[in-house]
Protein backbone atom coordinates (compact mmCIF):
# COMPACT_ATOMS: atom_id res chain seq x y z
CA MET A 1 -0.03 -105.15 11.97
CA THR A 2 -4.31 -104.12 11.08
CA ARG A 3 -6.81 -105.01 8.42
CA GLY A 4 -8.48 -101.41 7.80
CA ALA A 5 -10.79 -99.56 5.16
CA ALA A 6 -10.46 -99.19 1.74
CA ALA A 7 -8.67 -95.99 0.58
CA ASP A 8 -7.31 -94.61 -2.33
CA ARG A 9 -4.60 -91.97 -3.65
CA PHE A 10 -3.52 -89.74 -6.57
CA ALA A 11 0.24 -89.97 -7.94
CA PRO A 12 0.24 -86.83 -9.83
CA ALA A 13 2.63 -86.51 -13.41
CA LYS A 14 6.02 -84.80 -12.25
CA VAL A 15 7.00 -82.57 -14.61
CA ASN A 16 10.52 -81.31 -15.72
CA LEU A 17 10.15 -77.23 -15.32
CA SER A 18 14.65 -77.24 -15.99
CA LEU A 19 16.86 -80.20 -16.03
CA ARG A 20 20.92 -79.95 -15.84
CA VAL A 21 22.62 -83.00 -16.11
CA GLY A 22 26.57 -83.87 -15.10
CA PRO A 23 28.89 -86.16 -16.98
CA PRO A 24 29.56 -89.67 -14.78
CA GLY A 25 30.64 -90.62 -11.43
CA PRO A 26 33.22 -92.84 -10.84
CA ASP A 27 29.42 -95.13 -9.86
CA GLY A 28 28.03 -94.17 -13.58
CA TYR A 29 25.21 -92.12 -11.56
CA HIS A 30 24.75 -88.06 -13.54
CA PRO A 31 24.23 -85.85 -10.88
CA ILE A 32 21.13 -83.80 -11.58
CA GLU A 33 20.30 -79.95 -10.20
CA SER A 34 16.36 -79.66 -11.95
CA LEU A 35 13.43 -78.23 -10.68
CA VAL A 36 10.09 -79.89 -10.25
CA ALA A 37 6.28 -79.76 -9.75
CA PHE A 38 3.93 -81.43 -10.11
CA ALA A 39 1.01 -81.93 -12.27
CA ASP A 40 -2.95 -82.49 -11.34
CA VAL A 41 -3.22 -85.07 -13.83
CA GLY A 42 -1.78 -88.77 -13.30
CA ASP A 43 -3.01 -91.89 -12.03
CA ARG A 44 -4.49 -93.49 -8.60
CA LEU A 45 -4.28 -96.45 -6.44
CA ARG A 46 -6.93 -98.18 -4.76
CA LEU A 47 -5.94 -100.09 -1.49
CA GLU A 48 -8.68 -102.77 -0.52
CA PRO A 49 -8.79 -105.34 1.74
CA ALA A 50 -7.90 -108.62 1.03
CA GLU A 51 -6.97 -112.21 2.26
CA ALA A 52 -3.68 -111.65 1.08
CA PHE A 53 -1.33 -109.08 -0.79
CA ALA A 54 -2.36 -109.31 -4.60
CA PHE A 55 -1.55 -106.17 -6.75
CA ALA A 56 -3.64 -105.22 -10.24
CA ALA A 57 -3.31 -102.74 -12.72
CA GLU A 58 -6.34 -100.86 -15.32
CA GLY A 59 -6.35 -98.42 -17.34
CA PRO A 60 -5.31 -97.31 -20.81
CA PHE A 61 -1.92 -97.81 -20.33
CA ALA A 62 -1.92 -101.54 -17.66
CA GLY A 63 -0.91 -103.66 -20.33
CA GLY A 64 1.99 -105.90 -18.59
CA LEU A 65 2.15 -103.70 -15.92
CA ALA A 66 0.72 -106.12 -13.58
CA GLY A 67 4.08 -108.31 -12.52
CA GLU A 68 6.36 -108.76 -10.08
CA GLY A 69 8.24 -105.99 -11.58
CA ASN A 70 6.46 -103.49 -10.83
CA LEU A 71 7.54 -100.49 -8.92
CA VAL A 72 4.43 -100.78 -6.64
CA VAL A 73 5.09 -104.38 -5.78
CA ARG A 74 8.73 -103.88 -4.92
CA ALA A 75 7.58 -100.48 -2.72
CA VAL A 76 5.70 -102.24 -0.83
CA ARG A 77 7.91 -105.71 -0.47
CA ALA A 78 10.37 -103.43 0.77
CA LEU A 79 8.22 -102.04 3.06
CA ALA A 80 6.78 -104.71 4.79
CA ALA A 81 10.91 -105.61 5.58
CA ALA A 82 11.49 -102.28 7.06
CA ALA A 83 8.52 -103.14 9.13
CA GLY A 84 9.96 -106.91 9.69
CA GLU A 85 5.89 -108.14 8.91
CA SER A 86 5.18 -110.33 6.08
CA LEU A 87 2.98 -108.78 3.14
CA PRO A 88 0.42 -106.97 4.11
CA PRO A 89 -3.63 -108.52 3.83
CA VAL A 90 -4.42 -106.03 1.10
CA ARG A 91 -5.10 -105.56 -2.48
CA LEU A 92 -4.19 -102.68 -4.55
CA VAL A 93 -5.79 -101.53 -8.14
CA LEU A 94 -3.40 -99.09 -10.11
CA ASP A 95 -6.05 -96.37 -12.96
CA LYS A 96 -2.48 -96.21 -15.30
CA GLN A 97 -3.32 -93.77 -17.05
CA LEU A 98 -0.07 -92.16 -17.30
CA PRO A 99 1.77 -93.32 -20.54
CA VAL A 100 4.56 -95.78 -19.47
CA ALA A 101 8.19 -94.55 -19.87
CA ALA A 102 7.13 -90.84 -20.61
CA GLY A 103 9.73 -88.89 -18.24
CA LEU A 104 6.85 -87.85 -15.96
CA GLY A 105 7.28 -89.96 -13.45
CA GLY A 106 4.42 -92.62 -13.39
CA GLY A 107 6.65 -95.92 -11.96
CA SER A 108 7.44 -93.87 -9.30
CA SER A 109 5.07 -91.40 -8.53
CA ASP A 110 3.09 -94.81 -8.42
CA ALA A 111 5.95 -96.59 -5.85
CA ALA A 112 5.28 -92.94 -3.70
CA ALA A 113 1.50 -93.83 -3.75
CA ALA A 114 1.65 -97.20 -2.55
CA LEU A 115 4.36 -96.42 0.00
CA ARG A 116 1.51 -93.97 1.72
CA LEU A 117 -1.15 -96.01 1.03
CA VAL A 118 0.18 -99.90 3.15
CA ARG A 119 2.49 -97.17 5.45
CA ASP A 120 -0.74 -96.06 6.94
CA ALA A 121 -3.39 -99.25 6.67
CA SER A 122 -0.68 -101.76 7.81
CA PHE A 123 2.27 -100.29 8.41
CA ALA A 124 1.43 -97.13 11.29
CA ALA A 125 4.53 -96.88 13.03
CA VAL A 126 6.95 -96.71 10.05
CA GLU A 127 7.88 -93.11 9.56
CA ASP A 128 9.60 -90.51 6.70
CA ALA A 129 12.81 -91.38 7.15
CA VAL A 130 12.13 -95.19 6.31
CA LEU A 131 10.06 -94.17 3.26
CA PHE A 132 12.41 -92.04 1.95
CA ALA A 133 14.71 -94.35 2.36
CA ILE A 134 13.29 -96.53 0.30
CA ALA A 135 12.30 -94.59 -1.97
CA ALA A 136 15.72 -93.57 -3.04
CA ASP A 137 16.53 -96.83 -3.14
CA LEU A 138 13.22 -97.42 -6.22
CA GLY A 139 14.99 -94.85 -8.34
CA ALA A 140 15.87 -91.35 -8.11
CA ASP A 141 12.33 -89.89 -9.05
CA ALA A 142 10.44 -91.65 -6.59
CA PRO A 143 11.76 -89.40 -2.84
CA MET A 144 10.60 -86.38 -5.25
CA CYS A 145 7.01 -88.22 -6.20
CA LEU A 146 7.13 -89.26 -2.70
CA GLU A 147 7.59 -85.50 -1.65
CA GLY A 148 5.21 -84.62 -4.37
CA ARG A 149 5.29 -81.27 -4.35
CA PRO A 150 7.24 -78.54 -6.46
CA LEU A 151 10.65 -78.92 -5.59
CA VAL A 152 14.84 -78.53 -6.10
CA ALA A 153 16.18 -82.31 -6.65
CA ARG A 154 20.40 -82.22 -6.69
CA GLY A 155 22.73 -85.49 -6.63
CA ARG A 156 21.03 -88.52 -7.89
CA GLY A 157 17.85 -86.50 -6.99
CA GLU A 158 17.27 -87.96 -3.23
CA ARG A 159 19.00 -83.80 -2.44
CA LEU A 160 15.43 -82.28 -1.80
CA GLU A 161 15.12 -78.86 -1.40
CA PRO A 162 10.96 -77.92 -1.53
CA VAL A 163 10.34 -75.25 -2.77
CA GLU A 164 8.22 -72.30 -0.21
CA GLY A 165 5.76 -69.80 -2.70
CA PHE A 166 4.89 -71.50 -5.89
CA ALA A 167 2.97 -70.21 -8.12
CA GLU A 168 1.11 -72.82 -9.84
CA LEU A 169 1.32 -72.62 -13.81
CA ALA A 170 -1.19 -73.83 -16.17
CA ALA A 171 -0.25 -76.54 -18.54
CA VAL A 172 0.58 -78.88 -21.63
CA LEU A 173 1.06 -82.22 -21.65
CA VAL A 174 2.06 -83.94 -24.88
CA ASN A 175 3.80 -87.17 -25.80
CA PRO A 176 3.32 -88.60 -28.94
CA GLY A 177 3.54 -91.85 -28.50
CA VAL A 178 6.57 -93.75 -29.23
CA ALA A 179 9.71 -95.28 -26.69
CA CYS A 180 12.16 -92.78 -25.92
CA PRO A 181 14.26 -95.25 -23.22
CA THR A 182 16.22 -93.11 -20.54
CA ALA A 183 19.20 -95.28 -20.48
CA GLU A 184 18.70 -94.68 -24.48
CA VAL A 185 18.62 -91.12 -23.69
CA TYR A 186 21.82 -90.94 -21.30
CA ARG A 187 24.22 -92.54 -23.86
CA ALA A 188 23.64 -91.25 -26.78
CA PHE A 189 23.84 -87.56 -24.11
CA ASP A 190 27.63 -88.78 -22.79
CA ALA A 191 28.72 -89.54 -26.93
CA ARG A 192 28.04 -85.61 -27.31
CA LEU A 193 29.06 -84.14 -23.62
CA GLY A 194 32.13 -81.64 -25.09
CA ASP A 195 30.24 -80.40 -26.98
CA PRO A 196 28.93 -76.90 -26.22
CA GLY A 197 25.98 -77.37 -24.71
CA ALA A 198 25.80 -80.63 -23.43
CA GLY A 199 25.53 -79.89 -19.93
CA TRP A 200 26.93 -78.96 -16.48
CA GLY A 201 30.35 -79.84 -17.27
CA ASP A 202 31.67 -78.36 -20.90
CA ASP A 203 33.53 -75.11 -17.89
CA GLY A 204 33.94 -76.92 -14.71
CA ALA A 205 30.91 -76.35 -12.50
CA GLY A 206 28.86 -77.68 -11.01
CA PRO A 207 24.87 -76.96 -10.54
CA ASP A 208 26.04 -76.06 -6.38
CA ASP A 209 28.50 -73.21 -7.83
CA GLU A 210 25.38 -71.37 -8.83
CA VAL A 211 22.31 -71.95 -7.87
CA ARG A 212 19.77 -70.33 -10.35
CA PRO A 213 16.56 -68.56 -9.83
CA LEU A 214 13.66 -69.94 -9.98
CA ARG A 215 11.34 -67.20 -11.61
CA ASP A 216 14.91 -68.42 -14.56
CA PHE A 217 13.86 -71.32 -14.84
CA ARG A 218 12.84 -71.32 -18.56
CA GLY A 219 16.40 -69.90 -19.43
CA VAL A 220 18.29 -72.78 -17.57
CA GLY A 221 15.69 -75.69 -20.17
CA ASN A 222 16.53 -79.53 -19.97
CA ASP A 223 20.21 -80.59 -21.38
CA LEU A 224 18.93 -83.78 -22.65
CA GLU A 225 16.74 -82.28 -25.09
CA SER A 226 19.07 -83.25 -27.87
CA ALA A 227 19.54 -86.46 -26.45
CA ALA A 228 16.26 -87.39 -26.08
CA ILE A 229 15.43 -86.25 -29.45
CA SER A 230 18.09 -88.33 -31.23
CA VAL A 231 16.37 -91.57 -29.43
CA ALA A 232 13.02 -90.24 -30.79
CA PRO A 233 12.46 -87.92 -33.24
CA ALA A 234 8.42 -87.05 -32.40
CA VAL A 235 10.11 -85.96 -29.57
CA GLY A 236 11.79 -83.08 -32.19
CA GLU A 237 8.28 -82.50 -34.17
CA ALA A 238 6.12 -82.24 -30.45
CA LEU A 239 8.32 -79.53 -29.29
CA ALA A 240 8.11 -77.69 -33.06
CA LEU A 241 4.49 -77.89 -32.81
CA LEU A 242 3.86 -77.08 -28.87
CA ARG A 243 6.29 -74.29 -29.49
CA ALA A 244 4.91 -72.28 -32.78
CA ARG A 245 1.54 -72.30 -30.34
CA ALA A 246 3.72 -71.26 -26.85
CA ASP A 247 5.82 -69.16 -25.44
CA PHE A 248 7.68 -71.46 -23.75
CA ALA A 249 7.87 -75.54 -24.18
CA ALA A 250 10.29 -78.17 -23.53
CA VAL A 251 11.31 -81.29 -22.81
CA SER A 252 10.37 -83.26 -19.10
CA GLY A 253 12.96 -85.84 -18.23
CA SER A 254 14.80 -87.62 -20.37
CA GLY A 255 11.25 -87.77 -22.74
CA ALA A 256 8.80 -88.44 -24.31
CA THR A 257 6.36 -86.22 -22.66
CA CYS A 258 6.99 -82.17 -23.65
CA PHE A 259 5.13 -80.03 -21.81
CA ALA A 260 4.12 -76.52 -22.57
CA LEU A 261 3.10 -73.05 -20.10
CA CYS A 262 0.46 -71.02 -20.57
CA SER A 263 -1.29 -68.04 -18.99
CA ASP A 264 -3.92 -69.78 -17.81
CA TYR A 265 -6.03 -72.91 -17.05
CA ALA A 266 -8.60 -71.43 -20.71
CA ALA A 267 -5.36 -70.74 -22.59
CA ALA A 268 -3.74 -74.13 -22.25
CA THR A 269 -7.17 -75.99 -22.85
CA ALA A 270 -7.76 -74.37 -25.62
CA LEU A 271 -4.15 -75.61 -26.76
CA ALA A 272 -4.98 -79.13 -25.49
CA ALA A 273 -7.17 -79.22 -27.67
CA ALA A 274 -5.48 -77.30 -30.82
CA VAL A 275 -3.38 -80.44 -30.36
CA SER A 276 -4.84 -83.08 -30.58
CA ALA A 277 -6.79 -82.07 -33.52
CA ALA A 278 -3.67 -81.71 -35.01
CA ARG A 279 -2.46 -84.73 -33.52
CA PRO A 280 -5.17 -87.33 -33.03
CA ALA A 281 -3.30 -90.46 -31.71
CA TRP A 282 -1.44 -87.91 -29.41
CA TRP A 283 -1.64 -88.50 -25.45
CA THR A 284 -2.38 -84.42 -24.50
CA ARG A 285 -3.93 -83.93 -21.21
CA PRO A 286 -4.55 -79.72 -20.26
CA CYS A 287 -2.84 -78.90 -16.41
CA ARG A 288 -2.13 -77.63 -14.03
CA LEU A 289 1.52 -77.60 -12.15
CA GLY A 290 2.57 -76.96 -9.03
CA GLY A 291 1.10 -79.70 -6.22
CA PRO A 292 1.13 -80.96 -2.98
CA TRP A 293 -2.66 -82.47 -5.00
CA ALA A 294 -5.42 -84.17 -3.19
């Protein structure tokens, strides 16, 4: 283990352009199929040499994130254990610009950034396969965030198929600033699994039975949309606002963040300004979707 120089890494927001969710299996997990892209907005993680390992959080959404349970700390502890070493003498500072628990994979993206930063600085012999194994243990979003580029995720999110030739998209991200806990959304989803349109499984089909052309993702939608709205009605308000102004809008992940696609970045900037004027308390950002981002 060596003491490296200061470094930093961008942790982009993850956006589910489409999301199909199946009924839970015997292990309690819901299989998914999702087309994922990454935004050029997100958090940033800074690594500094230190006498001993430390973690701090700053930024508009940093409140309460500096504890031992943070995914960044858990990722570094798991990495050190995999390397057979003690915690590295570095200080990690998270600049938290993304809303927390927003359906943007922020915590997972932060953990992915930590894995790559700390591996490169202190545990260079650890291979990428080990990083992905650690990420899979941290949560369903973490492996795709470690990849950080357009992909199709299946299974629990660990089966990743990179998408070659992905055309960059202009978009607006909108978070109405309400809690939309993932566990509650899935409980609401499970309660309506027998209803039409509640997700695959109604007709016995699964995501591997038919792989939709990626150009048709706008017709796939997000199976968790109705459940997210039932948990947090403001999600429906955000969708209505976006759908009145854009040709396509959807929920990302389990919410509460929604996104709209625009013809170009200038149109995305104009839409973001209109949403901010109508709902100044909401978190609204124009962005580009694709990746990887430097």
